[in-house]
Amino acid sequence: MSSESADAPALARLLALLDLEKIEENLFRGACPHHRIQRVFGGQVLGQALAAAARTVDPARLCHSLHAYFLRPGDSRIPILYQVERSRDGGSFTARRVVAIQHGVPIFTLAASFQVEEVGFEHQAAMPVVPPPEDLEDDRQALLRDPVLSGDLRDWIGRAQAFETRSVIGRGPRALSGDRAPRAAIDHVWLRARGALPDDPAIHRALLAFVSDTTLLDTALLPHGKSIFSDVQVASLDHAMWFHRPFRADDWLLYVQDSPSASGARGFNRGAVYARDGRLVASVAQEGLIRPR
């Protein structure tokens, strides 16, 4: 069986996670996948909250920016409720606020803005010159060669995955099982969904929001020779995204990441997402907790 066909169920499950159940007007319920070594993934809540907001907006208006805060750890044993506040419906822009709730308390908040398509001035930063994804190894295969991975962690890395990632700089030995050699706080990763997706651009935005939280926080640990599985406490604190141009999440996208600062037990990270043809399609910013245990 090919890798893509083996991973197809994972992509289908992710699309199902974003297909929220409508309980009442402006109120949606999202399922949670459970894994013994991972709490609710921040990208899941981010993608589901954006999907909830989009369900209350004219499909002709697409999200151009979002700002989110992670307030409490999510409980993967129960669903998440998403309450949408219709803040404004203007002539060109629509604003929504979403609160994710578990056990009766907010675990996450999202503010998102949507806009009708318009034509205006255009400029962008150039995409870095990097090797194409065909010349790089699938990160999953590279990580599974680590000889000291625990059984649970090896199972987690080797599980069926909705997205394929290929690191330009390389993860290096023991990238997930402990400390590693310090290097500059820069990472370039090619990524794409492992299978064809529907044409709905709102789905592609929600999927990019989901995957944008996968590797960004780890960038702040690179200069310190640590990983998210070292002796550190890590957690996403906030997340912001700006969508600049149309894209498809099932085509290769280059995720350019850097961390210009870490201080006060927090790491600040930036990301730029480019389509393969060089168009800058999205920008990302995130601050995360990085505290030595």
Protein backbone atom coordinates (compact mmCIF):
# COMPACT_ATOMS: atom_id res chain seq x y z
CA MET A 1 0.00 0.00 0.00
CA SER A 2 1.38 3.44 -0.90
CA SER A 3 2.10 6.01 1.82
CA GLU A 4 -0.58 8.34 0.44
CA SER A 5 -3.27 5.64 0.46
CA ALA A 6 -2.26 4.56 3.98
CA ASP A 7 -2.64 8.15 5.18
CA ALA A 8 -5.93 8.83 3.36
CA PRO A 9 -8.05 7.88 6.41
CA ALA A 10 -6.13 10.45 8.49
CA LEU A 11 -6.98 13.22 6.03
CA ALA A 12 -10.61 12.08 5.96
CA ARG A 13 -10.70 12.17 9.77
CA LEU A 14 -9.25 15.68 9.80
CA LEU A 15 -11.84 16.90 7.31
CA ALA A 16 -14.51 15.30 9.51
CA LEU A 17 -13.14 17.17 12.54
CA LEU A 18 -13.62 20.44 10.67
CA ASP A 19 -17.17 19.51 9.65
CA LEU A 20 -18.70 20.71 12.91
CA GLU A 21 -22.10 19.68 14.21
CA LYS A 22 -24.53 22.61 14.40
CA ILE A 23 -26.36 22.43 17.73
CA GLU A 24 -28.14 25.76 17.67
CA GLU A 25 -27.80 29.08 15.86
CA ASN A 26 -24.17 30.24 16.38
CA LEU A 27 -23.35 27.13 18.46
CA PHE A 28 -21.31 24.20 17.12
CA ARG A 29 -19.77 21.03 18.50
CA GLY A 30 -16.42 19.61 17.41
CA ALA A 31 -15.11 16.12 18.08
CA CYS A 32 -11.68 15.40 19.58
CA PRO A 33 -9.37 12.55 18.52
CA HIS A 34 -7.70 10.93 21.52
CA HIS A 35 -4.07 9.81 21.75
CA ARG A 36 -2.39 8.63 24.91
CA ILE A 37 0.64 10.93 24.62
CA GLN A 38 -0.94 14.09 23.20
CA ARG A 39 -3.51 16.45 24.70
CA VAL A 40 -5.81 18.40 22.39
CA PHE A 41 -3.59 19.80 19.62
CA GLY A 42 -3.76 23.59 19.43
CA GLY A 43 -4.02 23.52 15.65
CA GLN A 44 -7.17 21.40 15.93
CA VAL A 45 -8.93 24.01 18.10
CA LEU A 46 -7.66 26.77 15.81
CA GLY A 47 -8.96 25.06 12.69
CA GLN A 48 -12.30 24.13 14.24
CA ALA A 49 -12.87 27.63 15.60
CA LEU A 50 -12.14 29.15 12.19
CA ALA A 51 -14.51 26.62 10.59
CA ALA A 52 -17.22 27.59 13.12
CA ALA A 53 -16.79 31.28 12.34
CA ALA A 54 -16.88 30.63 8.59
CA ARG A 55 -20.17 28.73 8.94
CA THR A 56 -21.83 32.02 10.00
CA VAL A 57 -20.38 34.14 7.16
CA ASP A 58 -21.39 34.61 3.52
CA PRO A 59 -19.20 32.11 1.57
CA ALA A 60 -18.17 34.95 -0.75
CA ARG A 61 -16.27 36.47 2.19
CA LEU A 62 -13.08 34.65 3.15
CA CYS A 63 -11.01 34.98 6.31
CA HIS A 64 -8.12 37.42 5.85
CA SER A 65 -6.92 37.52 9.47
CA LEU A 66 -7.35 35.80 12.82
CA HIS A 67 -6.04 36.34 16.33
CA ALA A 68 -6.37 33.63 18.96
CA TYR A 69 -5.46 32.90 22.58
CA PHE A 70 -5.03 29.48 24.16
CA LEU A 71 -6.43 29.82 27.68
CA ARG A 72 -6.52 26.29 29.11
CA PRO A 73 -5.38 22.81 28.02
CA GLY A 74 -8.06 20.95 26.09
CA ASP A 75 -9.51 17.62 27.25
CA SER A 76 -9.32 15.12 24.39
CA ARG A 77 -11.87 12.81 26.07
CA ILE A 78 -14.85 15.08 25.36
CA PRO A 79 -16.09 17.28 22.46
CA ILE A 80 -15.50 21.04 22.30
CA LEU A 81 -18.33 23.57 22.02
CA TYR A 82 -17.76 26.61 19.79
CA GLN A 83 -19.93 29.66 20.47
CA VAL A 84 -19.84 32.27 17.70
CA GLU A 85 -20.58 35.95 18.28
CA ARG A 86 -21.58 37.85 15.14
CA SER A 87 -19.68 41.01 16.00
CA ARG A 88 -20.22 42.91 12.74
CA ASP A 89 -21.50 42.49 9.18
CA GLY A 90 -20.30 45.50 7.20
CA GLY A 91 -20.26 46.46 3.55
CA SER A 92 -16.87 44.86 2.89
CA PHE A 93 -15.79 43.19 6.13
CA THR A 94 -17.37 40.71 8.54
CA ALA A 95 -16.08 40.19 12.09
CA ARG A 96 -16.64 37.14 14.28
CA ARG A 97 -15.58 36.14 17.79
CA VAL A 98 -15.48 32.47 18.80
CA VAL A 99 -15.18 30.99 22.29
CA ALA A 100 -14.26 27.30 22.65
CA ILE A 101 -15.73 25.75 25.79
CA GLN A 102 -15.09 22.56 27.76
CA HIS A 103 -16.26 21.67 31.27
CA GLY A 104 -18.18 24.96 31.36
CA VAL A 105 -15.15 27.24 30.96
CA PRO A 106 -13.42 28.88 27.95
CA ILE A 107 -10.29 27.07 26.77
CA PHE A 108 -9.65 29.25 23.67
CA THR A 109 -10.83 32.45 22.03
CA LEU A 110 -10.62 33.54 18.39
CA ALA A 111 -11.29 36.83 16.65
CA ALA A 112 -11.50 36.57 12.87
CA SER A 113 -12.18 39.04 10.05
CA PHE A 114 -13.61 38.15 6.64
CA GLN A 115 -13.60 40.26 3.46
CA VAL A 116 -15.18 40.27 0.04
CA GLU A 117 -12.64 39.82 -2.77
CA GLU A 118 -11.14 43.12 -3.89
CA VAL A 119 -8.38 44.30 -6.23
CA GLY A 120 -5.71 46.72 -4.96
CA PHE A 121 -1.99 47.41 -4.65
CA GLU A 122 0.29 44.35 -4.70
CA HIS A 123 3.77 43.65 -3.33
CA GLN A 124 5.40 40.88 -1.31
CA ALA A 125 8.67 39.59 0.10
CA ALA A 126 10.47 37.11 -2.14
CA MET A 127 10.41 33.40 -1.35
CA PRO A 128 13.79 32.00 -0.22
CA VAL A 129 15.66 29.86 -2.71
CA VAL A 130 15.48 26.29 -1.35
CA PRO A 131 15.61 22.75 -2.73
CA PRO A 132 12.30 21.46 -4.11
CA PRO A 133 10.33 18.97 -2.00
CA GLU A 134 11.13 16.13 -4.42
CA ASP A 135 14.80 16.39 -3.36
CA LEU A 136 13.98 16.06 0.36
CA GLU A 137 12.96 13.20 2.63
CA ASP A 138 9.60 12.84 4.32
CA ASP A 139 10.10 14.01 7.93
CA ARG A 140 8.24 11.01 9.30
CA GLN A 141 10.70 8.59 7.73
CA ALA A 142 13.67 10.64 8.92
CA LEU A 143 12.39 10.80 12.50
CA LEU A 144 11.62 7.08 12.65
CA ARG A 145 15.33 6.33 12.12
CA ASP A 146 16.09 7.72 15.60
CA PRO A 147 17.29 4.59 17.46
CA VAL A 148 16.31 5.79 20.95
CA LEU A 149 12.66 6.70 20.35
CA SER A 150 10.34 5.20 22.97
CA GLY A 151 7.63 2.82 21.81
CA ASP A 152 4.80 5.29 22.44
CA LEU A 153 6.62 8.12 20.69
CA ARG A 154 7.56 5.88 17.77
CA ASP A 155 3.91 4.86 17.39
CA TRP A 156 2.84 8.52 17.51
CA ILE A 157 5.34 9.60 14.84
CA GLY A 158 4.58 6.60 12.63
CA ARG A 159 0.80 6.99 12.80
CA ALA A 160 -1.21 7.86 9.69
CA GLN A 161 -0.96 11.62 9.15
CA ALA A 162 -3.10 14.10 7.22
CA PHE A 163 -0.12 16.28 6.21
CA GLU A 164 3.26 15.45 4.74
CA THR A 165 6.21 17.62 5.79
CA ARG A 166 9.73 17.76 4.37
CA SER A 167 12.29 19.84 6.23
CA VAL A 168 14.76 21.80 4.08
CA ILE A 169 17.37 22.21 6.81
CA GLY A 170 16.78 18.76 8.30
CA ARG A 171 15.60 17.66 11.70
CA GLY A 172 18.93 16.11 12.65
CA PRO A 173 19.56 13.13 14.95
CA ARG A 174 17.38 12.86 18.05
CA ALA A 175 15.18 15.70 16.83
CA LEU A 176 12.25 14.55 18.95
CA SER A 177 13.75 12.22 21.54
CA GLY A 178 15.85 14.72 23.49
CA ASP A 179 18.50 17.41 23.21
CA ARG A 180 20.22 18.25 19.93
CA ALA A 181 22.99 20.48 18.63
CA PRO A 182 22.08 24.19 18.90
CA ARG A 183 21.59 26.04 15.61
CA ALA A 184 20.06 29.24 14.29
CA ALA A 185 16.36 29.77 15.02
CA ILE A 186 15.34 29.28 11.39
CA ASP A 187 13.41 26.43 9.81
CA HIS A 188 12.05 25.91 6.29
CA VAL A 189 9.49 23.14 5.80
CA TRP A 190 7.58 22.03 2.72
CA LEU A 191 4.11 20.75 3.55
CA ARG A 192 0.93 19.57 1.84
CA ALA A 193 -2.16 17.49 2.60
CA ARG A 194 -1.75 13.79 1.84
CA GLY A 195 -4.55 13.63 -0.72
CA ALA A 196 -6.91 15.72 -2.83
CA LEU A 197 -9.14 18.25 -1.07
CA PRO A 198 -12.49 19.87 -1.89
CA ASP A 199 -12.35 23.19 -3.74
CA ASP A 200 -13.94 25.21 -0.90
CA PRO A 201 -11.29 27.88 -0.02
CA ALA A 202 -12.62 28.08 3.56
CA ILE A 203 -11.55 24.46 4.09
CA HIS A 204 -8.04 25.21 2.80
CA ARG A 205 -7.73 28.14 5.22
CA ALA A 206 -8.88 26.01 8.16
CA LEU A 207 -6.42 23.27 7.20
CA LEU A 208 -3.54 25.72 6.92
CA ALA A 209 -4.47 27.12 10.34
CA PHE A 210 -4.39 23.55 11.68
CA VAL A 211 -0.96 22.67 10.30
CA SER A 212 0.60 26.10 11.00
CA ASP A 213 0.76 25.19 14.71
CA THR A 214 2.70 21.96 14.13
CA THR A 215 6.34 23.13 13.92
CA LEU A 216 6.32 26.86 14.71
CA LEU A 217 6.85 26.75 18.48
CA ASP A 218 9.78 24.35 18.13
CA THR A 219 11.70 27.06 16.24
CA ALA A 220 12.29 28.98 19.49
CA LEU A 221 14.04 25.93 20.99
CA LEU A 222 16.57 25.47 18.17
CA PRO A 223 19.25 27.92 19.48
CA HIS A 224 19.13 26.20 22.88
CA GLY A 225 19.64 22.65 21.64
CA LYS A 226 16.24 21.58 22.93
CA SER A 227 13.16 20.01 21.40
CA ILE A 228 9.54 19.83 22.51
CA PHE A 229 10.41 16.44 24.05
CA SER A 230 13.41 17.73 26.04
CA ASP A 231 13.27 18.71 29.71
CA VAL A 232 11.13 21.76 28.92
CA GLN A 233 7.52 22.78 29.40
CA VAL A 234 6.04 24.11 26.16
CA ALA A 235 2.60 25.37 25.18
CA SER A 236 1.15 27.72 22.58
CA LEU A 237 -0.06 30.96 24.19
CA ASP A 238 -1.46 32.78 21.17
CA HIS A 239 -1.61 32.51 17.39
CA ALA A 240 -2.21 35.03 14.63
CA MET A 241 -2.56 34.51 10.89
CA TRP A 242 -3.06 36.70 7.84
CA PHE A 243 -4.22 35.17 4.55
CA HIS A 244 -2.89 37.18 1.61
CA ARG A 245 -3.61 35.24 -1.57
CA PRO A 246 -5.48 32.13 -2.76
CA PHE A 247 -3.77 28.75 -2.27
CA ARG A 248 -4.44 25.05 -2.05
CA ALA A 249 -3.38 23.02 0.98
CA ASP A 250 -3.05 19.91 -1.22
CA ASP A 251 -0.29 21.59 -3.26
CA TRP A 252 3.21 22.02 -1.85
CA LEU A 253 3.58 25.07 0.42
CA LEU A 254 6.86 26.34 1.87
CA TYR A 255 6.60 27.28 5.57
CA VAL A 256 9.46 29.68 6.38
CA GLN A 257 9.85 30.02 10.18
CA ASP A 258 12.09 31.99 12.49
CA SER A 259 12.27 33.02 16.13
CA PRO A 260 13.73 36.52 16.64
CA SER A 261 13.44 36.48 20.44
CA ALA A 262 13.01 34.36 23.55
CA SER A 263 12.74 35.87 27.02
CA GLY A 264 10.65 35.66 30.18
CA ALA A 265 9.98 31.92 29.61
CA ARG A 266 8.34 32.79 26.26
CA GLY A 267 9.49 32.27 22.69
CA PHE A 268 8.26 34.48 19.85
CA ASN A 269 7.96 32.89 16.41
CA ARG A 270 7.12 34.11 12.90
CA GLY A 271 6.11 32.23 9.79
CA ALA A 272 5.65 33.01 6.09
CA VAL A 273 3.84 30.54 3.84
CA TYR A 274 4.65 30.51 0.11
CA ALA A 275 2.99 28.65 -2.74
CA ARG A 276 5.36 26.73 -4.94
CA ASP A 277 5.20 29.45 -7.61
CA GLY A 278 6.64 31.98 -5.13
CA ARG A 279 3.45 33.76 -4.06
CA LEU A 280 3.31 34.72 -0.39
CA VAL A 281 -0.08 33.28 0.62
CA ALA A 282 -0.08 33.67 4.41
CA SER A 283 1.83 35.05 7.40
CA VAL A 284 1.86 33.65 10.94
CA ALA A 285 2.97 34.88 14.38
CA GLN A 286 2.93 33.01 17.66
CA GLU A 287 4.22 33.31 21.20
CA GLY A 288 4.65 30.15 23.22
CA LEU A 289 5.66 29.10 26.71
CA ILE A 290 9.17 27.59 26.78
CA ARG A 291 10.05 26.97 30.43
CA PRO A 292 12.89 24.75 31.69
CA ARG A 293 11.54 22.06 33.97
